[in-house]
Amino acid sequence: MAYVGFFLLINAGAFFLFAEDKARSAAGLYRIPEFRMLMFAAAGGSIGALLAQRVIRHKTRKQPFADMLLLIFGLQLGAVFGCGALYLAIV
């Protein structure tokens, strides 16, 4: 159960981090570093980050950033399926 809570929290955090960065951008304020946003995604919030990218249309044209985000998501997805396959092979 703790994993589900962490998963929801980190993805909500990533979503709101993207939203905050977009709001800061529109207001001409200091931006949130891309590295921090990518670290939130790498910590497990890649779904929230991708959702925010699509819903609020933020960081969609910045290719190196968008590519890194997709790479993080792909690695996480591969890890989930790999662990699931390993679990099924053991059981």
N, C-alpha and C. Protein backbone atom coordinates (compact mmCIF):
# COMPACT_ATOMS: atom_id res chain seq x y z
N MET A 1 0.81 -1.19 0.00
CA MET A 1 0.00 0.00 0.00
C MET A 1 0.86 1.27 0.00
N ALA A 2 1.99 1.21 0.66
CA ALA A 2 2.87 2.38 0.71
C ALA A 2 3.39 2.73 -0.69
N TYR A 3 3.58 1.71 -1.54
CA TYR A 3 4.05 1.98 -2.90
C TYR A 3 3.01 2.76 -3.69
N VAL A 4 1.74 2.43 -3.50
CA VAL A 4 0.67 3.13 -4.21
C VAL A 4 0.63 4.60 -3.76
N GLY A 5 0.75 4.82 -2.46
CA GLY A 5 0.76 6.19 -1.95
C GLY A 5 1.94 6.98 -2.48
N PHE A 6 3.12 6.36 -2.50
CA PHE A 6 4.30 7.04 -3.04
C PHE A 6 4.11 7.34 -4.51
N PHE A 7 3.60 6.36 -5.26
CA PHE A 7 3.38 6.52 -6.69
C PHE A 7 2.44 7.70 -6.97
N LEU A 8 1.34 7.77 -6.24
CA LEU A 8 0.38 8.87 -6.42
C LEU A 8 1.00 10.21 -6.03
N LEU A 9 1.72 10.23 -4.92
CA LEU A 9 2.32 11.47 -4.43
C LEU A 9 3.39 12.00 -5.38
N ILE A 10 4.28 11.14 -5.84
CA ILE A 10 5.37 11.60 -6.71
C ILE A 10 4.84 12.04 -8.08
N ASN A 11 3.81 11.37 -8.57
CA ASN A 11 3.23 11.77 -9.86
C ASN A 11 2.45 13.07 -9.74
N ALA A 12 1.73 13.25 -8.64
CA ALA A 12 1.03 14.52 -8.42
C ALA A 12 2.06 15.64 -8.26
N GLY A 13 3.15 15.35 -7.55
CA GLY A 13 4.21 16.34 -7.38
C GLY A 13 4.82 16.75 -8.71
N ALA A 14 5.08 15.77 -9.58
CA ALA A 14 5.65 16.07 -10.90
C ALA A 14 4.68 16.91 -11.72
N PHE A 15 3.41 16.56 -11.68
CA PHE A 15 2.40 17.32 -12.42
C PHE A 15 2.38 18.78 -11.96
N PHE A 16 2.33 18.97 -10.64
CA PHE A 16 2.25 20.33 -10.11
C PHE A 16 3.56 21.10 -10.28
N LEU A 17 4.68 20.39 -10.33
CA LEU A 17 5.96 21.05 -10.60
C LEU A 17 5.96 21.63 -12.01
N PHE A 18 5.45 20.86 -12.98
CA PHE A 18 5.34 21.35 -14.35
C PHE A 18 4.39 22.53 -14.42
N ALA A 19 3.25 22.42 -13.72
CA ALA A 19 2.28 23.52 -13.73
C ALA A 19 2.88 24.79 -13.11
N GLU A 20 3.63 24.63 -12.03
CA GLU A 20 4.27 25.77 -11.38
C GLU A 20 5.30 26.41 -12.31
N ASP A 21 6.06 25.59 -13.02
CA ASP A 21 7.06 26.13 -13.95
C ASP A 21 6.39 26.91 -15.08
N LYS A 22 5.26 26.40 -15.57
CA LYS A 22 4.55 27.11 -16.64
C LYS A 22 4.01 28.44 -16.11
N ALA A 23 3.48 28.44 -14.90
CA ALA A 23 2.96 29.67 -14.31
C ALA A 23 4.10 30.69 -14.11
N ARG A 24 5.24 30.20 -13.66
CA ARG A 24 6.39 31.10 -13.49
C ARG A 24 6.85 31.64 -14.83
N SER A 25 6.82 30.81 -15.85
CA SER A 25 7.22 31.24 -17.18
C SER A 25 6.31 32.36 -17.69
N ALA A 26 5.01 32.18 -17.52
CA ALA A 26 4.05 33.17 -17.98
C ALA A 26 4.19 34.49 -17.22
N ALA A 27 4.58 34.39 -15.93
CA ALA A 27 4.71 35.59 -15.10
C ALA A 27 6.09 36.24 -15.23
N GLY A 28 6.99 35.60 -15.96
CA GLY A 28 8.33 36.14 -16.12
C GLY A 28 9.20 35.99 -14.88
N LEU A 29 8.88 35.01 -14.05
CA LEU A 29 9.63 34.78 -12.82
C LEU A 29 10.73 33.75 -13.04
N TYR A 30 11.54 33.54 -11.99
CA TYR A 30 12.61 32.54 -12.01
C TYR A 30 12.00 31.17 -12.24
N ARG A 31 12.57 30.42 -13.19
CA ARG A 31 12.03 29.11 -13.59
C ARG A 31 12.58 27.99 -12.73
N ILE A 32 11.85 26.89 -12.72
CA ILE A 32 12.30 25.67 -12.04
C ILE A 32 13.29 24.99 -12.98
N PRO A 33 14.47 24.60 -12.48
CA PRO A 33 15.46 23.98 -13.37
C PRO A 33 14.93 22.69 -14.01
N GLU A 34 15.26 22.50 -15.27
CA GLU A 34 14.84 21.29 -15.98
C GLU A 34 15.37 20.04 -15.29
N PHE A 35 16.57 20.13 -14.73
CA PHE A 35 17.15 18.99 -14.04
C PHE A 35 16.24 18.53 -12.90
N ARG A 36 15.70 19.48 -12.15
CA ARG A 36 14.81 19.14 -11.03
C ARG A 36 13.54 18.45 -11.54
N MET A 37 13.00 18.95 -12.64
CA MET A 37 11.79 18.33 -13.19
C MET A 37 12.08 16.92 -13.70
N LEU A 38 13.23 16.73 -14.32
CA LEU A 38 13.60 15.39 -14.78
C LEU A 38 13.88 14.44 -13.61
N MET A 39 14.41 14.96 -12.51
CA MET A 39 14.65 14.11 -11.34
C MET A 39 13.34 13.68 -10.69
N PHE A 40 12.34 14.54 -10.70
CA PHE A 40 11.01 14.14 -10.21
C PHE A 40 10.48 13.00 -11.07
N ALA A 41 10.65 13.11 -12.38
CA ALA A 41 10.21 12.06 -13.29
C ALA A 41 10.99 10.78 -13.03
N ALA A 42 12.30 10.89 -12.87
CA ALA A 42 13.14 9.72 -12.64
C ALA A 42 12.85 9.05 -11.30
N ALA A 43 12.38 9.82 -10.33
CA ALA A 43 12.07 9.26 -9.01
C ALA A 43 10.75 8.49 -9.02
N GLY A 44 10.07 8.46 -10.16
CA GLY A 44 8.83 7.70 -10.26
C GLY A 44 7.67 8.52 -10.76
N GLY A 45 7.89 9.79 -11.04
CA GLY A 45 6.80 10.66 -11.47
C GLY A 45 6.71 10.88 -12.96
N SER A 46 7.18 9.94 -13.74
CA SER A 46 7.19 10.15 -15.19
C SER A 46 5.79 10.22 -15.78
N ILE A 47 4.85 9.47 -15.22
CA ILE A 47 3.48 9.52 -15.74
C ILE A 47 2.87 10.89 -15.47
N GLY A 48 3.05 11.42 -14.27
CA GLY A 48 2.55 12.75 -13.95
C GLY A 48 3.21 13.82 -14.80
N ALA A 49 4.51 13.66 -15.06
CA ALA A 49 5.22 14.63 -15.89
C ALA A 49 4.72 14.59 -17.32
N LEU A 50 4.55 13.40 -17.88
CA LEU A 50 4.04 13.28 -19.25
C LEU A 50 2.61 13.78 -19.35
N LEU A 51 1.81 13.50 -18.34
CA LEU A 51 0.44 13.97 -18.33
C LEU A 51 0.40 15.50 -18.30
N ALA A 52 1.22 16.10 -17.45
CA ALA A 52 1.29 17.56 -17.38
C ALA A 52 1.78 18.15 -18.69
N GLN A 53 2.74 17.49 -19.29
CA GLN A 53 3.29 17.98 -20.56
C GLN A 53 2.19 18.05 -21.62
N ARG A 54 1.30 17.06 -21.61
CA ARG A 54 0.22 17.03 -22.61
C ARG A 54 -0.95 17.93 -22.21
N VAL A 55 -1.37 17.87 -20.95
CA VAL A 55 -2.56 18.60 -20.51
C VAL A 55 -2.34 20.10 -20.50
N ILE A 56 -1.23 20.54 -19.91
CA ILE A 56 -1.00 21.99 -19.83
C ILE A 56 -0.08 22.49 -20.95
N ARG A 57 0.31 21.60 -21.83
CA ARG A 57 1.14 21.92 -23.00
C ARG A 57 2.40 22.69 -22.59
N HIS A 58 3.17 22.06 -21.75
CA HIS A 58 4.40 22.67 -21.26
C HIS A 58 5.58 21.78 -21.58
N LYS A 59 6.63 22.37 -22.12
CA LYS A 59 7.86 21.68 -22.48
C LYS A 59 7.63 20.63 -23.58
N THR A 60 6.73 20.92 -24.50
CA THR A 60 6.45 19.96 -25.57
C THR A 60 7.38 20.14 -26.76
N ARG A 61 7.86 21.36 -26.98
CA ARG A 61 8.71 21.62 -28.14
C ARG A 61 10.20 21.63 -27.80
N LYS A 62 10.52 21.51 -26.56
CA LYS A 62 11.92 21.52 -26.15
C LYS A 62 12.45 20.09 -26.28
N GLN A 63 13.00 19.75 -27.45
CA GLN A 63 13.31 18.38 -27.79
C GLN A 63 14.27 17.64 -26.85
N PRO A 64 15.39 18.19 -26.48
CA PRO A 64 16.25 17.39 -25.58
C PRO A 64 15.53 17.03 -24.28
N PHE A 65 14.75 17.96 -23.76
CA PHE A 65 14.01 17.70 -22.52
C PHE A 65 12.93 16.65 -22.76
N ALA A 66 12.14 16.82 -23.81
CA ALA A 66 11.06 15.87 -24.12
C ALA A 66 11.61 14.48 -24.37
N ASP A 67 12.74 14.40 -25.06
CA ASP A 67 13.36 13.09 -25.33
C ASP A 67 13.83 12.43 -24.04
N MET A 68 14.42 13.20 -23.15
CA MET A 68 14.88 12.64 -21.86
C MET A 68 13.69 12.14 -21.04
N LEU A 69 12.61 12.89 -21.07
CA LEU A 69 11.41 12.49 -20.33
C LEU A 69 10.86 11.17 -20.88
N LEU A 70 10.82 11.04 -22.19
CA LEU A 70 10.35 9.78 -22.79
C LEU A 70 11.31 8.63 -22.50
N LEU A 71 12.60 8.91 -22.47
CA LEU A 71 13.58 7.88 -22.13
C LEU A 71 13.38 7.39 -20.70
N ILE A 72 13.19 8.31 -19.78
CA ILE A 72 12.94 7.95 -18.38
C ILE A 72 11.69 7.09 -18.28
N PHE A 73 10.61 7.51 -18.95
CA PHE A 73 9.37 6.74 -18.92
C PHE A 73 9.58 5.34 -19.49
N GLY A 74 10.28 5.26 -20.61
CA GLY A 74 10.54 3.95 -21.23
C GLY A 74 11.35 3.03 -20.33
N LEU A 75 12.36 3.58 -19.67
CA LEU A 75 13.17 2.77 -18.75
C LEU A 75 12.34 2.29 -17.56
N GLN A 76 11.49 3.17 -17.04
CA GLN A 76 10.63 2.77 -15.93
C GLN A 76 9.61 1.72 -16.35
N LEU A 77 9.04 1.89 -17.53
CA LEU A 77 8.09 0.92 -18.04
C LEU A 77 8.76 -0.43 -18.26
N GLY A 78 9.96 -0.40 -18.81
CA GLY A 78 10.72 -1.64 -19.00
C GLY A 78 11.05 -2.31 -17.68
N ALA A 79 11.38 -1.53 -16.67
CA ALA A 79 11.69 -2.09 -15.36
C ALA A 79 10.45 -2.73 -14.74
N VAL A 80 9.30 -2.10 -14.89
CA VAL A 80 8.07 -2.67 -14.34
C VAL A 80 7.74 -3.99 -15.03
N PHE A 81 7.79 -4.01 -16.35
CA PHE A 81 7.50 -5.25 -17.07
C PHE A 81 8.56 -6.31 -16.81
N GLY A 82 9.81 -5.89 -16.72
CA GLY A 82 10.88 -6.85 -16.42
C GLY A 82 10.72 -7.47 -15.04
N CYS A 83 10.39 -6.66 -14.06
CA CYS A 83 10.17 -7.19 -12.70
C CYS A 83 8.94 -8.09 -12.67
N GLY A 84 7.91 -7.71 -13.42
CA GLY A 84 6.70 -8.54 -13.48
C GLY A 84 6.99 -9.87 -14.13
N ALA A 85 7.76 -9.87 -15.20
CA ALA A 85 8.11 -11.13 -15.87
C ALA A 85 8.98 -11.99 -14.97
N LEU A 86 9.91 -11.37 -14.27
CA LEU A 86 10.77 -12.12 -13.34
C LEU A 86 9.94 -12.72 -12.22
N TYR A 87 8.99 -11.96 -11.70
CA TYR A 87 8.12 -12.47 -10.64
C TYR A 87 7.30 -13.66 -11.12
N LEU A 88 6.76 -13.55 -12.34
CA LEU A 88 5.97 -14.65 -12.88
C LEU A 88 6.83 -15.88 -13.15
N ALA A 89 8.07 -15.68 -13.53
CA ALA A 89 8.97 -16.80 -13.78
C ALA A 89 9.33 -17.53 -12.49
N ILE A 90 9.41 -16.78 -11.40
CA ILE A 90 9.76 -17.37 -10.10
C ILE A 90 8.58 -18.12 -9.51
N VAL A 91 7.40 -17.53 -9.64
CA VAL A 91 6.19 -18.11 -9.03
C VAL A 91 5.68 -19.20 -9.87
